[in-house]
Amino acid sequence: MTIRAGQLTSTEAPYDIVRKMRASILVLGPVLARAGEARVSLPGGCAIGNRPIDLHLKALEAIGAELEMAAGYVKATAPGGRLSGGRYRFPVVAPA
């Protein structure tokens, strides 16, 4: 499958679209990198169990994103429209 998205029409992934998708947080990074800003609804429930998104957010901050959480959304901005880059080491998460 090839998807071509020459132009973004929105930098927001609203609750109605992502509420059933636990992986909705994975939309935040690519949209932020491409558009310099992104607003994504916090993910919905998960049948597998609790899977926090804090590691994703810490990684985005490590590469230069500025994050704000309000009204059930994560808003990310890249200062100057670009991420600076950086390093982040994900910790090993022990099974529950």
PDB file of N, CA and C in Angstrom:
ATOM      1  N   MET A   1       0.834  -1.144   0.000  1.00  0.00           N
ATOM      2  CA  MET A   1       0.000   0.000   0.000  1.00  0.00           C
ATOM      3  C   MET A   1       0.894   1.227   0.000  1.00  0.00           C
ATOM      4  N   THR A   2       0.550   2.201  -0.794  1.00  0.00           N
ATOM      5  CA  THR A   2       1.235   3.477  -0.803  1.00  0.00           C
ATOM      6  C   THR A   2       0.220   4.557  -0.477  1.00  0.00           C
ATOM      7  N   ILE A   3       0.557   5.355   0.509  1.00  0.00           N
ATOM      8  CA  ILE A   3      -0.308   6.469   0.875  1.00  0.00           C
ATOM      9  C   ILE A   3       0.463   7.745   0.595  1.00  0.00           C
ATOM     10  N   ARG A   4      -0.137   8.610  -0.159  1.00  0.00           N
ATOM     11  CA  ARG A   4       0.493   9.889  -0.461  1.00  0.00           C
ATOM     12  C   ARG A   4      -0.276  10.989   0.270  1.00  0.00           C
ATOM     13  N   ALA A   5       0.457  11.749   1.038  1.00  0.00           N
ATOM     14  CA  ALA A   5      -0.155  12.853   1.776  1.00  0.00           C
ATOM     15  C   ALA A   5       0.691  14.088   1.520  1.00  0.00           C
ATOM     16  N   GLY A   6       0.525  14.652   0.347  1.00  0.00           N
ATOM     17  CA  GLY A   6       1.313  15.807  -0.045  1.00  0.00           C
ATOM     18  C   GLY A   6       1.101  17.003   0.858  1.00  0.00           C
ATOM     19  N   GLN A   7      -0.100  17.149   1.371  1.00  0.00           N
ATOM     20  CA  GLN A   7      -0.397  18.265   2.251  1.00  0.00           C
ATOM     21  C   GLN A   7      -1.228  17.765   3.423  1.00  0.00           C
ATOM     22  N   LEU A   8      -0.886  18.236   4.605  1.00  0.00           N
ATOM     23  CA  LEU A   8      -1.708  17.940   5.771  1.00  0.00           C
ATOM     24  C   LEU A   8      -2.841  18.945   5.826  1.00  0.00           C
ATOM     25  N   THR A   9      -4.029  18.459   6.105  1.00  0.00           N
ATOM     26  CA  THR A   9      -5.158  19.367   6.239  1.00  0.00           C
ATOM     27  C   THR A   9      -5.433  19.702   7.699  1.00  0.00           C
ATOM     28  N   SER A  10      -4.837  18.933   8.615  1.00  0.00           N
ATOM     29  CA  SER A  10      -5.021  19.176  10.036  1.00  0.00           C
ATOM     30  C   SER A  10      -3.847  18.580  10.794  1.00  0.00           C
ATOM     31  N   THR A  11      -3.499  19.183  11.905  1.00  0.00           N
ATOM     32  CA  THR A  11      -2.452  18.632  12.769  1.00  0.00           C
ATOM     33  C   THR A  11      -3.059  18.084  14.048  1.00  0.00           C
ATOM     34  N   GLU A  12      -4.353  17.854  14.040  1.00  0.00           N
ATOM     35  CA  GLU A  12      -5.057  17.333  15.209  1.00  0.00           C
ATOM     36  C   GLU A  12      -5.660  15.974  14.932  1.00  0.00           C
ATOM     37  N   ALA A  13      -5.507  15.072  15.890  1.00  0.00           N
ATOM     38  CA  ALA A  13      -6.177  13.775  15.860  1.00  0.00           C
ATOM     39  C   ALA A  13      -7.212  13.810  16.987  1.00  0.00           C
ATOM     40  N   PRO A  14      -8.479  14.130  16.658  1.00  0.00           N
ATOM     41  CA  PRO A  14      -9.490  14.331  17.685  1.00  0.00           C
ATOM     42  C   PRO A  14      -9.950  13.029  18.347  1.00  0.00           C
ATOM     43  N   TYR A  15     -10.558  13.180  19.498  1.00  0.00           N
ATOM     44  CA  TYR A  15     -11.025  12.058  20.303  1.00  0.00           C
ATOM     45  C   TYR A  15     -11.913  11.110  19.515  1.00  0.00           C
ATOM     46  N   ASP A  16     -12.825  11.619  18.724  1.00  0.00           N
ATOM     47  CA  ASP A  16     -13.748  10.756  17.978  1.00  0.00           C
ATOM     48  C   ASP A  16     -13.029   9.765  17.079  1.00  0.00           C
ATOM     49  N   ILE A  17     -11.875  10.150  16.573  1.00  0.00           N
ATOM     50  CA  ILE A  17     -11.124   9.269  15.683  1.00  0.00           C
ATOM     51  C   ILE A  17     -10.241   8.300  16.455  1.00  0.00           C
ATOM     52  N   VAL A  18      -9.587   8.763  17.503  1.00  0.00           N
ATOM     53  CA  VAL A  18      -8.574   7.938  18.164  1.00  0.00           C
ATOM     54  C   VAL A  18      -9.054   7.230  19.420  1.00  0.00           C
ATOM     55  N   ARG A  19     -10.285   7.430  19.836  1.00  0.00           N
ATOM     56  CA  ARG A  19     -10.738   6.879  21.107  1.00  0.00           C
ATOM     57  C   ARG A  19     -10.683   5.361  21.178  1.00  0.00           C
ATOM     58  N   LYS A  20     -10.737   4.688  20.051  1.00  0.00           N
ATOM     59  CA  LYS A  20     -10.707   3.232  20.031  1.00  0.00           C
ATOM     60  C   LYS A  20      -9.323   2.681  19.695  1.00  0.00           C
ATOM     61  N   MET A  21      -8.383   3.567  19.462  1.00  0.00           N
ATOM     62  CA  MET A  21      -7.048   3.166  19.033  1.00  0.00           C
ATOM     63  C   MET A  21      -6.033   3.423  20.132  1.00  0.00           C
ATOM     64  N   ARG A  22      -5.540   2.413  20.784  1.00  0.00           N
ATOM     65  CA  ARG A  22      -4.533   2.616  21.818  1.00  0.00           C
ATOM     66  C   ARG A  22      -3.266   3.216  21.217  1.00  0.00           C
ATOM     67  N   ALA A  23      -2.984   2.915  19.983  1.00  0.00           N
ATOM     68  CA  ALA A  23      -1.755   3.378  19.334  1.00  0.00           C
ATOM     69  C   ALA A  23      -1.860   4.817  18.841  1.00  0.00           C
ATOM     70  N   SER A  24      -2.898   5.522  19.221  1.00  0.00           N
ATOM     71  CA  SER A  24      -3.079   6.887  18.731  1.00  0.00           C
ATOM     72  C   SER A  24      -1.919   7.800  19.097  1.00  0.00           C
ATOM     73  N   ILE A  25      -1.239   7.531  20.189  1.00  0.00           N
ATOM     74  CA  ILE A  25      -0.111   8.372  20.597  1.00  0.00           C
ATOM     75  C   ILE A  25       1.009   8.307  19.557  1.00  0.00           C
ATOM     76  N   LEU A  26       1.055   7.241  18.773  1.00  0.00           N
ATOM     77  CA  LEU A  26       2.088   7.095  17.751  1.00  0.00           C
ATOM     78  C   LEU A  26       1.891   8.054  16.579  1.00  0.00           C
ATOM     79  N   VAL A  27       0.765   8.721  16.506  1.00  0.00           N
ATOM     80  CA  VAL A  27       0.515   9.727  15.479  1.00  0.00           C
ATOM     81  C   VAL A  27       1.229  11.034  15.829  1.00  0.00           C
ATOM     82  N   LEU A  28       1.441  11.260  17.113  1.00  0.00           N
ATOM     83  CA  LEU A  28       1.976  12.534  17.590  1.00  0.00           C
ATOM     84  C   LEU A  28       3.349  12.860  16.995  1.00  0.00           C
ATOM     85  N   GLY A  29       4.295  11.960  17.061  1.00  0.00           N
ATOM     86  CA  GLY A  29       5.655  12.212  16.593  1.00  0.00           C
ATOM     87  C   GLY A  29       5.756  12.541  15.112  1.00  0.00           C
ATOM     88  N   PRO A  30       5.190  11.724  14.234  1.00  0.00           N
ATOM     89  CA  PRO A  30       5.291  12.010  12.804  1.00  0.00           C
ATOM     90  C   PRO A  30       4.625  13.324  12.386  1.00  0.00           C
ATOM     91  N   VAL A  31       3.464  13.619  12.957  1.00  0.00           N
ATOM     92  CA  VAL A  31       2.792  14.874  12.608  1.00  0.00           C
ATOM     93  C   VAL A  31       3.603  16.059  13.137  1.00  0.00           C
ATOM     94  N   LEU A  32       4.126  15.932  14.340  1.00  0.00           N
ATOM     95  CA  LEU A  32       4.961  16.987  14.913  1.00  0.00           C
ATOM     96  C   LEU A  32       6.191  17.233  14.055  1.00  0.00           C
ATOM     97  N   ALA A  33       6.862  16.170  13.640  1.00  0.00           N
ATOM     98  CA  ALA A  33       8.072  16.310  12.828  1.00  0.00           C
ATOM     99  C   ALA A  33       7.770  16.951  11.479  1.00  0.00           C
ATOM    100  N   ARG A  34       6.634  16.633  10.924  1.00  0.00           N
ATOM    101  CA  ARG A  34       6.289  17.157   9.596  1.00  0.00           C
ATOM    102  C   ARG A  34       5.751  18.581   9.635  1.00  0.00           C
ATOM    103  N   ALA A  35       4.902  18.873  10.629  1.00  0.00           N
ATOM    104  CA  ALA A  35       4.208  20.160  10.632  1.00  0.00           C
ATOM    105  C   ALA A  35       4.724  21.141  11.687  1.00  0.00           C
ATOM    106  N   GLY A  36       5.546  20.661  12.610  1.00  0.00           N
ATOM    107  CA  GLY A  36       6.044  21.541  13.657  1.00  0.00           C
ATOM    108  C   GLY A  36       5.108  21.674  14.845  1.00  0.00           C
ATOM    109  N   GLU A  37       3.932  21.068  14.729  1.00  0.00           N
ATOM    110  CA  GLU A  37       2.971  21.047  15.832  1.00  0.00           C
ATOM    111  C   GLU A  37       2.015  19.882  15.635  1.00  0.00           C
ATOM    112  N   ALA A  38       1.459  19.414  16.732  1.00  0.00           N
ATOM    113  CA  ALA A  38       0.480  18.324  16.672  1.00  0.00           C
ATOM    114  C   ALA A  38      -0.350  18.351  17.939  1.00  0.00           C
ATOM    115  N   ARG A  39      -1.599  17.959  17.811  1.00  0.00           N
ATOM    116  CA  ARG A  39      -2.498  17.858  18.960  1.00  0.00           C
ATOM    117  C   ARG A  39      -3.242  16.541  18.822  1.00  0.00           C
ATOM    118  N   VAL A  40      -3.052  15.670  19.808  1.00  0.00           N
ATOM    119  CA  VAL A  40      -3.624  14.328  19.733  1.00  0.00           C
ATOM    120  C   VAL A  40      -4.372  14.033  21.027  1.00  0.00           C
ATOM    121  N   SER A  41      -5.563  13.496  20.878  1.00  0.00           N
ATOM    122  CA  SER A  41      -6.348  13.091  22.037  1.00  0.00           C
ATOM    123  C   SER A  41      -5.621  11.973  22.769  1.00  0.00           C
ATOM    124  N   LEU A  42      -5.708  11.989  24.092  1.00  0.00           N
ATOM    125  CA  LEU A  42      -5.117  10.909  24.860  1.00  0.00           C
ATOM    126  C   LEU A  42      -5.796   9.607  24.474  1.00  0.00           C
ATOM    127  N   PRO A  43      -5.043   8.501  24.456  1.00  0.00           N
ATOM    128  CA  PRO A  43      -5.600   7.230  23.994  1.00  0.00           C
ATOM    129  C   PRO A  43      -6.718   6.718  24.892  1.00  0.00           C
ATOM    130  N   GLY A  44      -7.563   5.901  24.280  1.00  0.00           N
ATOM    131  CA  GLY A  44      -8.676   5.290  25.013  1.00  0.00           C
ATOM    132  C   GLY A  44      -8.215   4.096  25.831  1.00  0.00           C
ATOM    133  N   GLY A  45      -9.174   3.369  26.339  1.00  0.00           N
ATOM    134  CA  GLY A  45      -8.886   2.207  27.171  1.00  0.00           C
ATOM    135  C   GLY A  45      -8.227   1.088  26.391  1.00  0.00           C
ATOM    136  N   CYS A  46      -7.679   0.147  27.113  1.00  0.00           N
ATOM    137  CA  CYS A  46      -6.972  -0.958  26.479  1.00  0.00           C
ATOM    138  C   CYS A  46      -7.379  -2.266  27.129  1.00  0.00           C
ATOM    139  N   ALA A  47      -7.802  -3.233  26.325  1.00  0.00           N
ATOM    140  CA  ALA A  47      -8.214  -4.530  26.846  1.00  0.00           C
ATOM    141  C   ALA A  47      -7.035  -5.314  27.419  1.00  0.00           C
ATOM    142  N   ILE A  48      -5.823  -4.998  26.975  1.00  0.00           N
ATOM    143  CA  ILE A  48      -4.632  -5.703  27.450  1.00  0.00           C
ATOM    144  C   ILE A  48      -4.277  -5.262  28.865  1.00  0.00           C
ATOM    145  N   GLY A  49      -4.555  -4.021  29.195  1.00  0.00           N
ATOM    146  CA  GLY A  49      -4.222  -3.501  30.519  1.00  0.00           C
ATOM    147  C   GLY A  49      -3.613  -2.125  30.418  1.00  0.00           C
ATOM    148  N   ASN A  50      -3.086  -1.653  31.519  1.00  0.00           N
ATOM    149  CA  ASN A  50      -2.521  -0.314  31.596  1.00  0.00           C
ATOM    150  C   ASN A  50      -1.220  -0.230  30.801  1.00  0.00           C
ATOM    151  N   ARG A  51      -1.153   0.697  29.878  1.00  0.00           N
ATOM    152  CA  ARG A  51       0.072   0.948  29.107  1.00  0.00           C
ATOM    153  C   ARG A  51       0.255   2.444  28.994  1.00  0.00           C
ATOM    154  N   PRO A  52       0.944   3.039  29.969  1.00  0.00           N
ATOM    155  CA  PRO A  52       1.090   4.488  29.973  1.00  0.00           C
ATOM    156  C   PRO A  52       1.880   5.006  28.772  1.00  0.00           C
ATOM    157  N   ILE A  53       1.677   6.288  28.465  1.00  0.00           N
ATOM    158  CA  ILE A  53       2.339   6.906  27.315  1.00  0.00           C
ATOM    159  C   ILE A  53       3.518   7.770  27.720  1.00  0.00           C
ATOM    160  N   ASP A  54       3.851   7.788  29.006  1.00  0.00           N
ATOM    161  CA  ASP A  54       4.890   8.694  29.489  1.00  0.00           C
ATOM    162  C   ASP A  54       6.235   8.477  28.813  1.00  0.00           C
ATOM    163  N   LEU A  55       6.570   7.253  28.448  1.00  0.00           N
ATOM    164  CA  LEU A  55       7.853   7.002  27.782  1.00  0.00           C
ATOM    165  C   LEU A  55       7.898   7.668  26.407  1.00  0.00           C
ATOM    166  N   HIS A  56       6.787   7.647  25.695  1.00  0.00           N
ATOM    167  CA  HIS A  56       6.712   8.314  24.392  1.00  0.00           C
ATOM    168  C   HIS A  56       6.913   9.822  24.559  1.00  0.00           C
ATOM    169  N   LEU A  57       6.260  10.366  25.561  1.00  0.00           N
ATOM    170  CA  LEU A  57       6.355  11.804  25.789  1.00  0.00           C
ATOM    171  C   LEU A  57       7.767  12.216  26.200  1.00  0.00           C
ATOM    172  N   LYS A  58       8.415  11.422  27.048  1.00  0.00           N
ATOM    173  CA  LYS A  58       9.787  11.720  27.458  1.00  0.00           C
ATOM    174  C   LYS A  58      10.732  11.671  26.263  1.00  0.00           C
ATOM    175  N   ALA A  59      10.522  10.726  25.368  1.00  0.00           N
ATOM    176  CA  ALA A  59      11.361  10.627  24.169  1.00  0.00           C
ATOM    177  C   ALA A  59      11.170  11.845  23.267  1.00  0.00           C
ATOM    178  N   LEU A  60       9.934  12.291  23.103  1.00  0.00           N
ATOM    179  CA  LEU A  60       9.675  13.483  22.287  1.00  0.00           C
ATOM    180  C   LEU A  60      10.329  14.714  22.903  1.00  0.00           C
ATOM    181  N   GLU A  61      10.265  14.840  24.224  1.00  0.00           N
ATOM    182  CA  GLU A  61      10.931  15.968  24.884  1.00  0.00           C
ATOM    183  C   GLU A  61      12.449  15.906  24.685  1.00  0.00           C
ATOM    184  N   ALA A  62      12.992  14.694  24.682  1.00  0.00           N
ATOM    185  CA  ALA A  62      14.445  14.529  24.510  1.00  0.00           C
ATOM    186  C   ALA A  62      14.913  14.994  23.135  1.00  0.00           C
ATOM    187  N   ILE A  63      14.025  14.989  22.148  1.00  0.00           N
ATOM    188  CA  ILE A  63      14.433  15.439  20.811  1.00  0.00           C
ATOM    189  C   ILE A  63      13.968  16.868  20.513  1.00  0.00           C
ATOM    190  N   GLY A  64      13.512  17.553  21.567  1.00  0.00           N
ATOM    191  CA  GLY A  64      13.225  18.974  21.424  1.00  0.00           C
ATOM    192  C   GLY A  64      11.780  19.402  21.443  1.00  0.00           C
ATOM    193  N   ALA A  65      10.843  18.478  21.602  1.00  0.00           N
ATOM    194  CA  ALA A  65       9.429  18.849  21.614  1.00  0.00           C
ATOM    195  C   ALA A  65       9.059  19.524  22.923  1.00  0.00           C
ATOM    196  N   GLU A  66       8.188  20.493  22.826  1.00  0.00           N
ATOM    197  CA  GLU A  66       7.585  21.108  23.999  1.00  0.00           C
ATOM    198  C   GLU A  66       6.172  20.568  24.103  1.00  0.00           C
ATOM    199  N   LEU A  67       5.816  20.032  25.264  1.00  0.00           N
ATOM    200  CA  LEU A  67       4.534  19.350  25.438  1.00  0.00           C
ATOM    201  C   LEU A  67       3.657  20.072  26.437  1.00  0.00           C
ATOM    202  N   GLU A  68       2.363  20.015  26.159  1.00  0.00           N
ATOM    203  CA  GLU A  68       1.356  20.578  27.053  1.00  0.00           C
ATOM    204  C   GLU A  68       0.182  19.606  27.066  1.00  0.00           C
ATOM    205  N   MET A  69      -0.295  19.275  28.243  1.00  0.00           N
ATOM    206  CA  MET A  69      -1.460  18.393  28.347  1.00  0.00           C
ATOM    207  C   MET A  69      -2.610  19.188  28.935  1.00  0.00           C
ATOM    208  N   ALA A  70      -3.727  19.201  28.208  1.00  0.00           N
ATOM    209  CA  ALA A  70      -4.907  19.930  28.674  1.00  0.00           C
ATOM    210  C   ALA A  70      -6.152  19.373  28.013  1.00  0.00           C
ATOM    211  N   ALA A  71      -7.213  19.288  28.779  1.00  0.00           N
ATOM    212  CA  ALA A  71      -8.537  18.889  28.276  1.00  0.00           C
ATOM    213  C   ALA A  71      -8.507  17.560  27.523  1.00  0.00           C
ATOM    214  N   GLY A  72      -7.705  16.606  27.993  1.00  0.00           N
ATOM    215  CA  GLY A  72      -7.667  15.286  27.372  1.00  0.00           C
ATOM    216  C   GLY A  72      -6.835  15.193  26.104  1.00  0.00           C
ATOM    217  N   TYR A  73      -6.011  16.192  25.842  1.00  0.00           N
ATOM    218  CA  TYR A  73      -5.178  16.215  24.641  1.00  0.00           C
ATOM    219  C   TYR A  73      -3.720  16.444  25.011  1.00  0.00           C
ATOM    220  N   VAL A  74      -2.838  15.949  24.174  1.00  0.00           N
ATOM    221  CA  VAL A  74      -1.422  16.280  24.251  1.00  0.00           C
ATOM    222  C   VAL A  74      -1.143  17.214  23.087  1.00  0.00           C
ATOM    223  N   LYS A  75      -0.637  18.389  23.401  1.00  0.00           N
ATOM    224  CA  LYS A  75      -0.251  19.334  22.354  1.00  0.00           C
ATOM    225  C   LYS A  75       1.267  19.397  22.342  1.00  0.00           C
ATOM    226  N   ALA A  76       1.845  19.153  21.187  1.00  0.00           N
ATOM    227  CA  ALA A  76       3.297  19.179  21.041  1.00  0.00           C
ATOM    228  C   ALA A  76       3.680  20.239  20.025  1.00  0.00           C
ATOM    229  N   THR A  77       4.730  20.965  20.347  1.00  0.00           N
ATOM    230  CA  THR A  77       5.250  21.948  19.407  1.00  0.00           C
ATOM    231  C   THR A  77       6.757  21.782  19.295  1.00  0.00           C
ATOM    232  N   ALA A  78       7.256  22.110  18.131  1.00  0.00           N
ATOM    233  CA  ALA A  78       8.695  22.091  17.873  1.00  0.00           C
ATOM    234  C   ALA A  78       9.136  23.545  17.767  1.00  0.00           C
ATOM    235  N   PRO A  79       9.951  24.002  18.705  1.00  0.00           N
ATOM    236  CA  PRO A  79      10.391  25.399  18.651  1.00  0.00           C
ATOM    237  C   PRO A  79      11.042  25.729  17.305  1.00  0.00           C
ATOM    238  N   GLY A  80      10.619  26.804  16.706  1.00  0.00           N
ATOM    239  CA  GLY A  80      11.147  27.176  15.399  1.00  0.00           C
ATOM    240  C   GLY A  80      10.663  26.270  14.279  1.00  0.00           C
ATOM    241  N   GLY A  81       9.690  25.405  14.582  1.00  0.00           N
ATOM    242  CA  GLY A  81       9.133  24.514  13.558  1.00  0.00           C
ATOM    243  C   GLY A  81       9.915  23.241  13.315  1.00  0.00           C
ATOM    244  N   ARG A  82      11.032  23.059  14.035  1.00  0.00           N
ATOM    245  CA  ARG A  82      11.852  21.857  13.818  1.00  0.00           C
ATOM    246  C   ARG A  82      12.289  21.271  15.152  1.00  0.00           C
ATOM    247  N   LEU A  83      12.401  19.949  15.172  1.00  0.00           N
ATOM    248  CA  LEU A  83      12.924  19.264  16.348  1.00  0.00           C
ATOM    249  C   LEU A  83      14.445  19.302  16.300  1.00  0.00           C
ATOM    250  N   SER A  84      15.061  19.414  17.455  1.00  0.00           N
ATOM    251  CA  SER A  84      16.519  19.543  17.504  1.00  0.00           C
ATOM    252  C   SER A  84      17.249  18.214  17.411  1.00  0.00           C
ATOM    253  N   GLY A  85      16.575  17.143  17.765  1.00  0.00           N
ATOM    254  CA  GLY A  85      17.227  15.830  17.793  1.00  0.00           C
ATOM    255  C   GLY A  85      17.858  15.597  19.151  1.00  0.00           C
ATOM    256  N   GLY A  86      18.172  14.371  19.433  1.00  0.00           N
ATOM    257  CA  GLY A  86      18.758  14.037  20.723  1.00  0.00           C
ATOM    258  C   GLY A  86      18.768  12.542  20.917  1.00  0.00           C
ATOM    259  N   ARG A  87      19.057  12.140  22.124  1.00  0.00           N
ATOM    260  CA  ARG A  87      19.098  10.717  22.453  1.00  0.00           C
ATOM    261  C   ARG A  87      18.137  10.428  23.594  1.00  0.00           C
ATOM    262  N   TYR A  88      17.543   9.263  23.535  1.00  0.00           N
ATOM    263  CA  TYR A  88      16.691   8.804  24.620  1.00  0.00           C
ATOM    264  C   TYR A  88      16.814   7.289  24.688  1.00  0.00           C
ATOM    265  N   ARG A  89      17.048   6.797  25.856  1.00  0.00           N
ATOM    266  CA  ARG A  89      17.135   5.349  26.055  1.00  0.00           C
ATOM    267  C   ARG A  89      15.887   4.902  26.803  1.00  0.00           C
ATOM    268  N   PHE A  90      15.088   4.095  26.134  1.00  0.00           N
ATOM    269  CA  PHE A  90      13.886   3.580  26.789  1.00  0.00           C
ATOM    270  C   PHE A  90      14.298   2.597  27.875  1.00  0.00           C
ATOM    271  N   PRO A  91      13.743   2.745  29.079  1.00  0.00           N
ATOM    272  CA  PRO A  91      14.076   1.802  30.135  1.00  0.00           C
ATOM    273  C   PRO A  91      13.402   0.454  29.872  1.00  0.00           C
ATOM    274  N   VAL A  92      13.975  -0.576  30.433  1.00  0.00           N
ATOM    275  CA  VAL A  92      13.363  -1.899  30.342  1.00  0.00           C
ATOM    276  C   VAL A  92      12.204  -1.935  31.321  1.00  0.00           C
ATOM    277  N   VAL A  93      11.041  -2.254  30.819  1.00  0.00           N
ATOM    278  CA  VAL A  93       9.842  -2.305  31.669  1.00  0.00           C
ATOM    279  C   VAL A  93       9.613  -3.752  32.062  1.00  0.00           C
ATOM    280  N   ALA A  94       9.601  -3.991  33.368  1.00  0.00           N
ATOM    281  CA  ALA A  94       9.395  -5.349  33.880  1.00  0.00           C
ATOM    282  C   ALA A  94       7.942  -5.758  33.691  1.00  0.00           C
ATOM    283  N   PRO A  95       7.695  -7.024  33.376  1.00  0.00           N
ATOM    284  CA  PRO A  95       6.318  -7.495  33.238  1.00  0.00           C
ATOM    285  C   PRO A  95       5.579  -7.399  34.559  1.00  0.00           C
ATOM    286  N   ALA A  96       4.289  -7.175  34.472  1.00  0.00           N
ATOM    287  CA  ALA A  96       3.468  -7.025  35.679  1.00  0.00           C
ATOM    288  C   ALA A  96       3.212  -8.356  36.335  1.00  0.00           C
TER     289      ALA A  96
END
